[in-house]
N, C-alpha and C. Protein backbone atom coordinates (compact mmCIF):
# COMPACT_ATOMS: atom_id res chain seq x y z
N PHE A 1 -50.72 -168.70 -83.69
CA PHE A 1 -51.09 -170.07 -83.38
C PHE A 1 -52.31 -170.44 -84.20
N TRP A 2 -52.28 -171.60 -84.86
CA TRP A 2 -53.42 -172.07 -85.64
C TRP A 2 -53.56 -173.58 -85.48
N ILE A 3 -54.75 -174.08 -85.77
CA ILE A 3 -55.01 -175.52 -85.72
C ILE A 3 -55.82 -175.90 -86.96
N HIS A 4 -55.39 -176.97 -87.60
CA HIS A 4 -56.08 -177.49 -88.78
C HIS A 4 -56.98 -178.64 -88.33
N LEU A 5 -58.24 -178.61 -88.71
CA LEU A 5 -59.21 -179.64 -88.33
C LEU A 5 -59.51 -180.53 -89.52
N ASN A 6 -59.51 -181.84 -89.31
CA ASN A 6 -59.90 -182.79 -90.34
C ASN A 6 -60.45 -184.02 -89.63
N MET A 7 -61.77 -184.09 -89.53
CA MET A 7 -62.42 -185.17 -88.78
C MET A 7 -63.32 -185.97 -89.71
N GLU A 8 -63.48 -187.25 -89.41
CA GLU A 8 -64.39 -188.12 -90.16
C GLU A 8 -65.47 -188.72 -89.26
N TYR A 9 -65.23 -188.76 -87.95
CA TYR A 9 -66.18 -189.36 -87.04
C TYR A 9 -66.34 -188.50 -85.81
N PRO A 10 -67.48 -188.22 -85.30
CA PRO A 10 -68.82 -188.71 -85.60
C PRO A 10 -69.48 -188.01 -86.78
N PHE A 11 -68.82 -187.01 -87.36
CA PHE A 11 -69.31 -186.33 -88.56
C PHE A 11 -68.10 -185.82 -89.32
N ARG A 12 -68.30 -185.54 -90.59
CA ARG A 12 -67.20 -185.03 -91.41
C ARG A 12 -67.06 -183.53 -91.18
N LEU A 13 -65.83 -183.10 -90.99
CA LEU A 13 -65.56 -181.69 -90.71
C LEU A 13 -64.13 -181.37 -91.14
N LYS A 14 -63.97 -180.25 -91.82
CA LYS A 14 -62.65 -179.72 -92.16
C LYS A 14 -62.65 -178.25 -91.80
N GLY A 15 -61.50 -177.75 -91.42
CA GLY A 15 -61.45 -176.33 -91.10
C GLY A 15 -60.10 -175.92 -90.57
N ILE A 16 -60.01 -174.63 -90.31
CA ILE A 16 -58.82 -174.06 -89.70
C ILE A 16 -59.28 -172.98 -88.73
N LEU A 17 -58.69 -172.99 -87.54
CA LEU A 17 -58.97 -171.97 -86.53
C LEU A 17 -57.65 -171.35 -86.12
N TYR A 18 -57.65 -170.04 -85.90
CA TYR A 18 -56.41 -169.37 -85.54
C TYR A 18 -56.70 -168.13 -84.71
N PHE A 19 -55.69 -167.73 -83.94
CA PHE A 19 -55.73 -166.47 -83.22
C PHE A 19 -55.05 -165.43 -84.10
N PRO A 20 -55.72 -164.34 -84.44
CA PRO A 20 -55.09 -163.32 -85.29
C PRO A 20 -54.00 -162.58 -84.53
N LYS A 21 -53.04 -162.04 -85.27
CA LYS A 21 -51.99 -161.23 -84.65
C LYS A 21 -52.60 -159.95 -84.10
N VAL A 22 -52.16 -159.57 -82.91
CA VAL A 22 -52.64 -158.35 -82.27
C VAL A 22 -51.49 -157.37 -82.21
N LYS A 23 -51.67 -156.21 -82.85
CA LYS A 23 -50.60 -155.22 -82.88
C LYS A 23 -50.58 -154.37 -81.62
N GLN A 24 -51.76 -154.13 -81.05
CA GLN A 24 -51.86 -153.34 -79.83
C GLN A 24 -52.83 -154.04 -78.89
N GLN A 25 -52.68 -153.79 -77.62
CA GLN A 25 -53.57 -154.40 -76.64
C GLN A 25 -55.01 -153.92 -76.82
N VAL A 26 -55.21 -152.72 -77.34
CA VAL A 26 -56.55 -152.17 -77.51
C VAL A 26 -57.27 -152.84 -78.68
N GLN A 27 -56.53 -153.51 -79.54
CA GLN A 27 -57.09 -154.05 -80.76
C GLN A 27 -57.85 -155.37 -80.56
N LEU A 28 -57.99 -155.84 -79.34
CA LEU A 28 -58.67 -157.10 -79.09
C LEU A 28 -60.13 -157.01 -79.51
N GLU A 29 -60.50 -157.79 -80.51
CA GLU A 29 -61.87 -157.83 -81.00
C GLU A 29 -62.35 -159.26 -80.97
N LYS A 30 -63.65 -159.43 -81.03
CA LYS A 30 -64.19 -160.77 -81.12
C LYS A 30 -63.85 -161.36 -82.47
N GLY A 31 -63.57 -162.64 -82.47
CA GLY A 31 -63.20 -163.32 -83.70
C GLY A 31 -64.39 -163.56 -84.61
N GLN A 32 -64.08 -164.15 -85.73
CA GLN A 32 -65.11 -164.44 -86.70
C GLN A 32 -64.87 -165.85 -87.23
N VAL A 33 -65.81 -166.74 -86.98
CA VAL A 33 -65.74 -168.10 -87.49
C VAL A 33 -66.88 -168.27 -88.48
N LYS A 34 -66.53 -168.67 -89.69
CA LYS A 34 -67.52 -168.84 -90.75
C LYS A 34 -67.83 -170.32 -90.91
N LEU A 35 -69.10 -170.64 -91.09
CA LEU A 35 -69.55 -172.02 -91.26
C LEU A 35 -69.97 -172.24 -92.70
N TYR A 36 -69.44 -173.32 -93.29
CA TYR A 36 -69.77 -173.70 -94.66
C TYR A 36 -70.29 -175.13 -94.66
N CYS A 37 -71.10 -175.45 -95.67
CA CYS A 37 -71.55 -176.82 -95.91
C CYS A 37 -71.26 -177.13 -97.36
N ASN A 38 -70.36 -178.07 -97.62
CA ASN A 38 -69.92 -178.39 -98.98
C ASN A 38 -69.43 -177.14 -99.71
N GLN A 39 -68.67 -176.32 -99.03
CA GLN A 39 -68.07 -175.09 -99.55
C GLN A 39 -69.11 -174.04 -99.92
N VAL A 40 -70.32 -174.14 -99.35
CA VAL A 40 -71.37 -173.15 -99.53
C VAL A 40 -71.54 -172.42 -98.20
N PHE A 41 -71.43 -171.09 -98.22
CA PHE A 41 -71.50 -170.29 -97.01
C PHE A 41 -72.85 -170.46 -96.32
N ILE A 42 -72.82 -170.69 -94.99
CA ILE A 42 -74.03 -170.85 -94.20
C ILE A 42 -74.20 -169.69 -93.22
N ALA A 43 -73.19 -169.39 -92.41
CA ALA A 43 -73.36 -168.38 -91.37
C ALA A 43 -72.02 -167.81 -90.91
N ASP A 44 -72.08 -166.59 -90.37
CA ASP A 44 -70.95 -165.91 -89.73
C ASP A 44 -71.11 -165.97 -88.22
N ASN A 45 -70.01 -165.85 -87.51
CA ASN A 45 -70.02 -165.70 -86.05
C ASN A 45 -71.00 -166.65 -85.36
N ILE A 46 -70.77 -167.92 -85.53
CA ILE A 46 -71.66 -168.93 -84.97
C ILE A 46 -71.30 -169.18 -83.51
N LYS A 47 -72.05 -168.58 -82.62
CA LYS A 47 -71.78 -168.66 -81.19
C LYS A 47 -72.00 -170.06 -80.64
N GLU A 48 -72.79 -170.88 -81.36
CA GLU A 48 -73.06 -172.24 -80.90
C GLU A 48 -71.85 -173.14 -81.06
N VAL A 49 -70.90 -172.77 -81.90
CA VAL A 49 -69.74 -173.62 -82.17
C VAL A 49 -68.56 -173.27 -81.28
N ILE A 50 -68.34 -171.99 -81.04
CA ILE A 50 -67.17 -171.54 -80.29
C ILE A 50 -67.60 -171.08 -78.89
N PRO A 51 -67.01 -171.64 -77.83
CA PRO A 51 -67.34 -171.17 -76.48
C PRO A 51 -66.93 -169.71 -76.28
N GLU A 52 -67.54 -169.06 -75.33
CA GLU A 52 -67.32 -167.63 -75.08
C GLU A 52 -65.85 -167.31 -74.83
N PHE A 53 -65.13 -168.17 -74.11
CA PHE A 53 -63.74 -167.87 -73.79
C PHE A 53 -62.81 -168.01 -74.99
N LEU A 54 -63.28 -168.57 -76.09
CA LEU A 54 -62.47 -168.68 -77.32
C LEU A 54 -62.98 -167.77 -78.43
N MET A 55 -63.75 -166.76 -78.08
CA MET A 55 -64.35 -165.90 -79.09
C MET A 55 -63.34 -165.01 -79.82
N LEU A 56 -62.07 -165.05 -79.44
CA LEU A 56 -61.04 -164.30 -80.17
C LEU A 56 -60.58 -165.05 -81.42
N LEU A 57 -61.01 -166.30 -81.57
CA LEU A 57 -60.60 -167.11 -82.71
C LEU A 57 -61.19 -166.60 -84.02
N ASN A 58 -60.43 -166.76 -85.08
CA ASN A 58 -60.92 -166.57 -86.44
C ASN A 58 -60.82 -167.92 -87.12
N GLY A 59 -61.60 -168.13 -88.16
CA GLY A 59 -61.45 -169.38 -88.88
C GLY A 59 -62.60 -169.71 -89.78
N VAL A 60 -62.48 -170.89 -90.38
CA VAL A 60 -63.47 -171.41 -91.32
C VAL A 60 -63.70 -172.87 -90.99
N ILE A 61 -64.96 -173.29 -90.97
CA ILE A 61 -65.32 -174.68 -90.74
C ILE A 61 -66.24 -175.11 -91.88
N ASP A 62 -65.91 -176.24 -92.50
CA ASP A 62 -66.73 -176.82 -93.56
C ASP A 62 -67.21 -178.18 -93.09
N CYS A 63 -68.53 -178.33 -92.96
CA CYS A 63 -69.12 -179.57 -92.46
C CYS A 63 -70.24 -179.99 -93.41
N PRO A 64 -69.99 -180.97 -94.28
CA PRO A 64 -71.02 -181.38 -95.24
C PRO A 64 -72.19 -182.13 -94.62
N ASP A 65 -72.12 -182.50 -93.36
CA ASP A 65 -73.21 -183.24 -92.71
C ASP A 65 -74.31 -182.34 -92.15
N ILE A 66 -74.17 -181.04 -92.25
CA ILE A 66 -75.19 -180.13 -91.74
C ILE A 66 -76.36 -180.09 -92.73
N PRO A 67 -77.60 -180.25 -92.25
CA PRO A 67 -78.74 -180.19 -93.16
C PRO A 67 -78.94 -178.76 -93.67
N LEU A 68 -79.13 -178.61 -94.99
CA LEU A 68 -79.26 -177.28 -95.58
C LEU A 68 -80.70 -176.80 -95.70
N ASN A 69 -81.65 -177.68 -95.72
CA ASN A 69 -83.04 -177.29 -95.94
C ASN A 69 -83.76 -176.95 -94.65
N VAL A 70 -83.11 -176.14 -93.82
CA VAL A 70 -83.68 -175.74 -92.54
C VAL A 70 -83.43 -174.26 -92.33
N SER A 71 -84.19 -173.68 -91.42
CA SER A 71 -83.96 -172.28 -91.09
C SER A 71 -82.74 -172.16 -90.18
N ARG A 72 -82.20 -170.97 -90.08
CA ARG A 72 -81.03 -170.78 -89.22
C ARG A 72 -81.36 -171.01 -87.75
N SER A 73 -82.58 -170.70 -87.34
CA SER A 73 -82.95 -170.93 -85.94
C SER A 73 -82.98 -172.43 -85.63
N PHE A 74 -83.41 -173.25 -86.58
CA PHE A 74 -83.38 -174.70 -86.38
C PHE A 74 -81.94 -175.20 -86.38
N LEU A 75 -81.11 -174.61 -87.23
CA LEU A 75 -79.70 -175.00 -87.30
C LEU A 75 -79.01 -174.76 -85.96
N GLN A 76 -79.39 -173.70 -85.26
CA GLN A 76 -78.77 -173.40 -83.97
C GLN A 76 -79.08 -174.48 -82.94
N ASN A 77 -80.20 -175.17 -83.10
CA ASN A 77 -80.59 -176.23 -82.16
C ASN A 77 -80.22 -177.62 -82.65
N ASP A 78 -79.53 -177.73 -83.77
CA ASP A 78 -79.16 -179.01 -84.35
C ASP A 78 -78.06 -179.67 -83.51
N ARG A 79 -78.19 -180.98 -83.24
CA ARG A 79 -77.21 -181.69 -82.41
C ARG A 79 -75.84 -181.73 -83.06
N GLN A 80 -75.77 -181.86 -84.38
CA GLN A 80 -74.46 -181.91 -85.04
C GLN A 80 -73.74 -180.58 -84.92
N VAL A 81 -74.45 -179.48 -85.01
CA VAL A 81 -73.83 -178.16 -84.84
C VAL A 81 -73.33 -178.01 -83.41
N GLN A 82 -74.07 -178.48 -82.44
CA GLN A 82 -73.63 -178.39 -81.05
C GLN A 82 -72.40 -179.25 -80.80
N LYS A 83 -72.25 -180.39 -81.49
CA LYS A 83 -71.08 -181.24 -81.32
C LYS A 83 -69.82 -180.61 -81.89
N ILE A 84 -69.99 -179.79 -82.92
CA ILE A 84 -68.83 -179.10 -83.52
C ILE A 84 -68.20 -178.23 -82.47
């Protein structure tokens, strides 16, 4: 199962999120969602974007509206990141 994201309002966002195939029940691992800004890598495993119950998701999110000239700790408290 996968979902393609393409939003223009309230901010621009493109991405894809999916549940990886699980071969065995023991193989359940936390997912990995990567955040990009204008196709430039920003962060891995962004807990602020994905709720805890969806942490099995894998995917990529590209959001050009995220400010780049900030520290990662400030990015975690950014309203646009929380809206994602």
